[in-house]
């Protein structure tokens, strides 16, 4: 059977097309939420349950840690900010390898595209990790262990950049792993390999040269430094270049769109 057309019908205004795409992504998001978590046991609460447990365990493991980053940066909130931010990257990337395999029948519908499927999964993972961060930080704030975000706009900007960076990865991975089982098996090791390079558990100023310069070639530490600058009053942006991250995201997004366009015609629906 020839490849099914995955494009939307032509015609109509940009606003109409955007509204249609938002409805499609919303429907895919609700379908993904129901099929993944269902209504048994705690149901949809698993959306935040998994990242909440992971971040909570990592925070408890570092309760006796020491930081010399600033007067208001304590070990627990330091780890919570870093690890919950990284969990977004890990979750979105890890879920992308099976995005097409699990949802290929939906591509029979002309209104559904590969991009919609990838975005819906990414939004679900991002929502879960941000809610987990909110719950943990609320608990720490009520216990007097952390103050409210010192620069909330910078923190939200960091979360937005992390989502964009993760989404651009998932666009590429979802396409190239559909017919390549070997590449699919490398996705999870890749996210584990990126943990020590992400800066989730340390500040960049702790890394000596020349390793610091090499580390800053990776966009993740820039995002982590921006998130901490938004959360903690004594943090700084000495080792953060947001525009470098934006440039990297733009390039990866372009590669992802091209990759999806190439592989789109290779998706055969039986």
Protein backbone atom coordinates (compact mmCIF):
# COMPACT_ATOMS: atom_id res chain seq x y z
CA UNK A 1 0.00 0.00 0.00
CA UNK A 2 1.45 3.42 -0.91
CA UNK A 3 2.33 5.84 1.87
CA UNK A 4 -0.68 7.66 3.23
CA UNK A 5 -0.82 11.42 2.83
CA UNK A 6 -0.01 13.03 6.15
CA UNK A 7 -0.55 16.62 5.12
CA UNK A 8 -3.49 18.80 6.04
CA UNK A 9 -5.97 20.02 3.46
CA UNK A 10 -4.87 23.16 1.66
CA UNK A 11 -6.78 26.40 1.90
CA UNK A 12 -8.03 28.54 4.72
CA UNK A 13 -6.36 31.26 6.73
CA UNK A 14 -3.35 30.86 8.97
CA UNK A 15 -5.51 31.43 12.05
CA UNK A 16 -7.92 28.70 10.97
CA UNK A 17 -5.09 26.26 10.33
CA UNK A 18 -3.48 27.08 13.68
CA UNK A 19 -6.77 26.59 15.52
CA UNK A 20 -7.24 23.24 13.80
CA UNK A 21 -3.74 22.14 14.75
CA UNK A 22 -4.29 23.15 18.37
CA UNK A 23 -7.46 21.05 18.48
CA UNK A 24 -5.66 18.07 16.97
CA UNK A 25 -2.77 18.35 19.44
CA UNK A 26 -5.24 18.73 22.32
CA UNK A 27 -7.09 15.59 21.25
CA UNK A 28 -3.83 13.65 20.90
CA UNK A 29 -2.71 14.87 24.32
CA UNK A 30 -5.91 13.64 25.98
CA UNK A 31 -5.65 10.32 24.14
CA UNK A 32 -2.04 9.90 25.26
CA UNK A 33 -2.97 10.78 28.84
CA UNK A 34 -5.75 8.19 28.91
CA UNK A 35 -3.90 5.37 27.15
CA UNK A 36 -0.74 5.81 29.22
CA UNK A 37 -2.22 6.26 32.69
CA UNK A 38 -5.85 5.15 32.38
CA UNK A 39 -8.27 5.50 35.27
CA UNK A 40 -7.14 2.63 37.47
CA UNK A 41 -5.40 3.13 40.82
CA UNK A 42 -4.41 6.81 41.00
CA UNK A 43 -5.03 7.28 37.27
CA UNK A 44 -3.96 10.62 35.88
CA UNK A 45 -2.03 11.45 39.05
CA UNK A 46 0.74 9.25 37.67
CA UNK A 47 1.44 12.18 35.36
CA UNK A 48 3.24 13.86 38.25
CA UNK A 49 3.77 10.72 40.35
CA UNK A 50 6.75 9.37 38.41
CA UNK A 51 8.78 12.61 38.12
CA UNK A 52 7.80 13.48 41.69
CA UNK A 53 9.24 10.23 43.04
CA UNK A 54 12.42 10.49 40.96
CA UNK A 55 13.11 14.08 41.97
CA UNK A 56 12.14 13.39 45.58
CA UNK A 57 14.56 10.48 45.88
CA UNK A 58 17.40 12.47 44.32
CA UNK A 59 16.70 15.38 46.67
CA UNK A 60 16.75 13.12 49.73
CA UNK A 61 20.07 11.62 48.64
CA UNK A 62 21.59 15.11 48.72
CA UNK A 63 20.13 16.36 52.00
CA UNK A 64 23.54 16.28 53.64
CA UNK A 65 25.34 17.83 50.70
CA UNK A 66 27.24 21.10 50.83
CA UNK A 67 27.03 24.01 48.45
CA UNK A 68 29.12 27.15 48.39
CA UNK A 69 27.20 28.84 45.58
CA UNK A 70 25.41 31.47 47.62
CA UNK A 71 23.78 32.21 50.93
CA UNK A 72 20.30 31.23 49.75
CA UNK A 73 21.24 28.10 47.76
CA UNK A 74 20.68 25.04 49.92
CA UNK A 75 21.30 21.43 48.77
CA UNK A 76 17.65 20.34 48.59
CA UNK A 77 16.26 23.14 46.39
CA UNK A 78 19.46 23.13 44.34
CA UNK A 79 18.93 19.48 43.40
CA UNK A 80 15.18 19.88 42.91
CA UNK A 81 15.65 22.75 40.44
CA UNK A 82 18.40 20.95 38.54
CA UNK A 83 16.92 17.47 38.41
CA UNK A 84 13.31 18.42 37.65
CA UNK A 85 14.59 20.58 34.81
CA UNK A 86 16.63 17.67 33.48
CA UNK A 87 13.74 15.21 33.89
CA UNK A 88 11.85 17.22 31.28
CA UNK A 89 14.64 16.57 28.77
CA UNK A 90 14.92 12.92 29.76
CA UNK A 91 11.18 12.29 29.63
CA UNK A 92 10.53 13.99 26.30
CA UNK A 93 13.50 12.35 24.58
CA UNK A 94 12.85 8.87 26.00
CA UNK A 95 9.19 8.96 24.97
CA UNK A 96 9.96 10.05 21.42
CA UNK A 97 11.48 6.75 20.26
CA UNK A 98 8.10 4.99 20.31
CA UNK A 99 5.96 7.96 19.26
CA UNK A 100 5.33 6.77 15.70
CA UNK A 101 5.21 3.07 16.52
CA UNK A 102 2.45 3.59 19.08
CA UNK A 103 0.45 6.11 17.07
CA UNK A 104 0.99 5.09 13.44
CA UNK A 105 -2.71 4.15 12.89
CA UNK A 106 -3.66 7.76 13.70
CA UNK A 107 -1.84 8.88 10.57
CA UNK A 108 -4.77 7.56 8.52
CA UNK A 109 -6.46 10.81 9.50
CA UNK A 110 -5.35 13.61 7.21
CA UNK A 111 -5.48 16.12 10.04
CA UNK A 112 -2.88 14.23 12.10
CA UNK A 113 0.83 14.62 11.36
CA UNK A 114 4.04 13.31 12.89
CA UNK A 115 4.69 16.77 14.32
CA UNK A 116 1.36 16.74 16.16
CA UNK A 117 2.10 13.37 17.75
CA UNK A 118 5.56 14.45 18.90
CA UNK A 119 4.32 17.78 20.30
CA UNK A 120 1.46 16.13 22.20
CA UNK A 121 3.84 13.70 23.92
CA UNK A 122 6.30 16.48 24.70
CA UNK A 123 3.61 18.68 26.24
CA UNK A 124 2.44 15.83 28.45
CA UNK A 125 5.95 15.16 29.76
CA UNK A 126 6.62 18.87 30.31
CA UNK A 127 3.39 19.29 32.25
CA UNK A 128 4.23 16.36 34.51
CA UNK A 129 7.74 17.55 35.33
CA UNK A 130 6.67 21.15 35.95
CA UNK A 131 3.89 20.02 38.27
CA UNK A 132 6.38 17.80 40.11
CA UNK A 133 8.70 20.80 40.53
CA UNK A 134 5.80 22.91 41.82
CA UNK A 135 4.77 20.30 44.40
CA UNK A 136 8.31 19.74 45.69
CA UNK A 137 9.14 23.43 45.88
CA UNK A 138 5.85 24.13 47.66
CA UNK A 139 6.79 21.52 50.28
CA UNK A 140 10.28 22.98 50.69
CA UNK A 141 8.86 26.52 50.90
CA UNK A 142 6.36 25.48 53.58
CA UNK A 143 9.26 23.94 55.53
CA UNK A 144 11.28 27.15 55.25
CA UNK A 145 14.01 25.55 53.14
CA UNK A 146 13.62 27.74 50.07
CA UNK A 147 12.25 31.13 49.11
CA UNK A 148 9.97 31.86 46.20
CA UNK A 149 11.73 32.24 42.82
CA UNK A 150 13.83 35.40 42.89
CA UNK A 151 13.41 36.05 39.15
CA UNK A 152 10.44 33.98 37.99
CA UNK A 153 10.54 35.19 34.38
CA UNK A 154 14.08 33.87 33.99
CA UNK A 155 13.07 30.55 35.51
CA UNK A 156 10.12 30.22 33.13
CA UNK A 157 12.40 31.17 30.25
CA UNK A 158 14.72 28.32 31.23
CA UNK A 159 11.82 25.88 31.27
CA UNK A 160 10.70 27.13 27.87
CA UNK A 161 14.19 26.68 26.43
CA UNK A 162 14.42 23.20 27.92
CA UNK A 163 11.09 22.28 26.34
CA UNK A 164 12.18 23.63 22.96
CA UNK A 165 15.57 21.88 23.14
CA UNK A 166 13.93 18.59 24.15
CA UNK A 167 11.21 18.88 21.50
CA UNK A 168 13.76 19.47 18.75
CA UNK A 169 15.57 16.31 19.87
CA UNK A 170 12.36 14.32 19.91
CA UNK A 171 11.43 15.43 16.38
CA UNK A 172 14.66 13.93 15.06
CA UNK A 173 14.54 10.80 17.21
CA UNK A 174 10.89 9.99 16.45
CA UNK A 175 11.68 9.99 12.74
CA UNK A 176 14.97 8.10 12.60
CA UNK A 177 13.99 5.38 15.09
CA UNK A 178 10.76 4.34 13.33
CA UNK A 179 12.56 1.95 10.96
CA UNK A 180 15.81 1.62 12.89
CA UNK A 181 15.72 -0.57 15.99
CA UNK A 182 19.42 -0.03 16.68
CA UNK A 183 18.98 3.73 16.96
CA UNK A 184 15.94 3.19 19.17
CA UNK A 185 18.01 1.20 21.67
CA UNK A 186 20.54 4.03 21.92
CA UNK A 187 18.02 6.67 23.02
CA UNK A 188 17.84 5.71 26.70
CA UNK A 189 21.63 5.33 27.13
CA UNK A 190 21.98 8.75 25.49
CA UNK A 191 19.82 10.43 28.14
CA UNK A 192 21.82 8.77 30.92
CA UNK A 193 25.08 9.81 29.28
CA UNK A 194 23.88 13.42 29.21
CA UNK A 195 23.25 13.59 32.98
CA UNK A 196 26.87 14.45 33.93
CA UNK A 197 27.04 16.90 31.02
CA UNK A 198 23.80 18.68 31.90
CA UNK A 199 24.97 20.58 34.98
CA UNK A 200 21.96 19.35 36.93
CA UNK A 201 24.02 18.51 40.03
CA UNK A 202 26.74 21.17 39.94
CA UNK A 203 27.36 24.75 38.92
CA UNK A 204 29.54 25.43 35.92
CA UNK A 205 31.92 27.62 37.94
CA UNK A 206 33.07 24.48 39.78
CA UNK A 207 34.46 22.95 36.58
CA UNK A 208 38.11 23.86 35.88
CA UNK A 209 39.40 24.92 32.51
CA UNK A 210 39.73 23.66 29.81
CA UNK A 211 36.88 21.28 30.68
CA UNK A 212 34.55 24.18 31.39
CA UNK A 213 34.92 25.53 27.85
CA UNK A 214 34.24 22.07 26.44
CA UNK A 215 31.21 21.67 28.70
CA UNK A 216 29.74 24.98 27.56
CA UNK A 217 29.49 23.62 24.02
CA UNK A 218 26.53 21.62 25.33
CA UNK A 219 23.35 23.77 25.61
CA UNK A 220 22.06 21.98 28.73
CA UNK A 221 24.40 23.67 31.28
CA UNK A 222 23.34 27.08 29.94
CA UNK A 223 19.71 26.18 30.61
CA UNK A 224 20.52 24.93 34.12
CA UNK A 225 22.39 28.12 34.98
CA UNK A 226 19.45 30.19 33.73
CA UNK A 227 16.99 28.15 35.81
CA UNK A 228 19.09 28.66 38.96
CA UNK A 229 19.40 32.36 38.23
CA UNK A 230 15.63 32.53 38.13
CA UNK A 231 15.21 30.56 41.36
CA UNK A 232 18.01 31.82 43.62
CA UNK A 233 18.81 35.43 44.42
CA UNK A 234 22.56 34.85 44.80
CA UNK A 235 22.95 32.97 41.50
CA UNK A 236 24.44 34.70 38.46
CA UNK A 237 24.64 34.38 34.69
CA UNK A 238 28.43 34.37 34.35
CA UNK A 239 28.33 31.05 32.52
CA UNK A 240 25.06 31.27 30.63
CA UNK A 241 24.43 32.35 27.05
CA UNK A 242 20.69 32.07 26.29
CA UNK A 243 21.20 33.11 22.67
CA UNK A 244 23.56 30.20 22.16
CA UNK A 245 20.76 27.89 23.32
CA UNK A 246 18.26 29.63 21.03
CA UNK A 247 20.62 29.18 18.08
CA UNK A 248 21.12 25.50 18.89
CA UNK A 249 17.37 24.99 19.21
CA UNK A 250 16.71 26.68 15.89
CA UNK A 251 19.23 24.46 14.11
CA UNK A 252 17.92 21.28 15.75
CA UNK A 253 14.32 22.28 14.98
CA UNK A 254 15.18 22.79 11.32
CA UNK A 255 16.92 19.40 11.23
CA UNK A 256 13.90 17.85 12.94
CA UNK A 257 11.44 19.33 10.44
CA UNK A 258 13.56 18.19 7.51
CA UNK A 259 13.93 14.72 9.02
CA UNK A 260 10.19 14.38 9.57
CA UNK A 261 9.55 15.48 6.00
CA UNK A 262 11.98 12.86 4.68
CA UNK A 263 10.67 10.01 6.79
CA UNK A 264 7.03 11.00 6.39
CA UNK A 265 6.90 9.37 2.97
CA UNK A 266 8.44 6.18 4.36
CA UNK A 267 5.64 5.56 6.84
CA UNK A 268 3.48 2.80 5.34
CA UNK A 269 0.08 2.18 6.89
CA UNK A 270 -1.17 -1.36 6.40
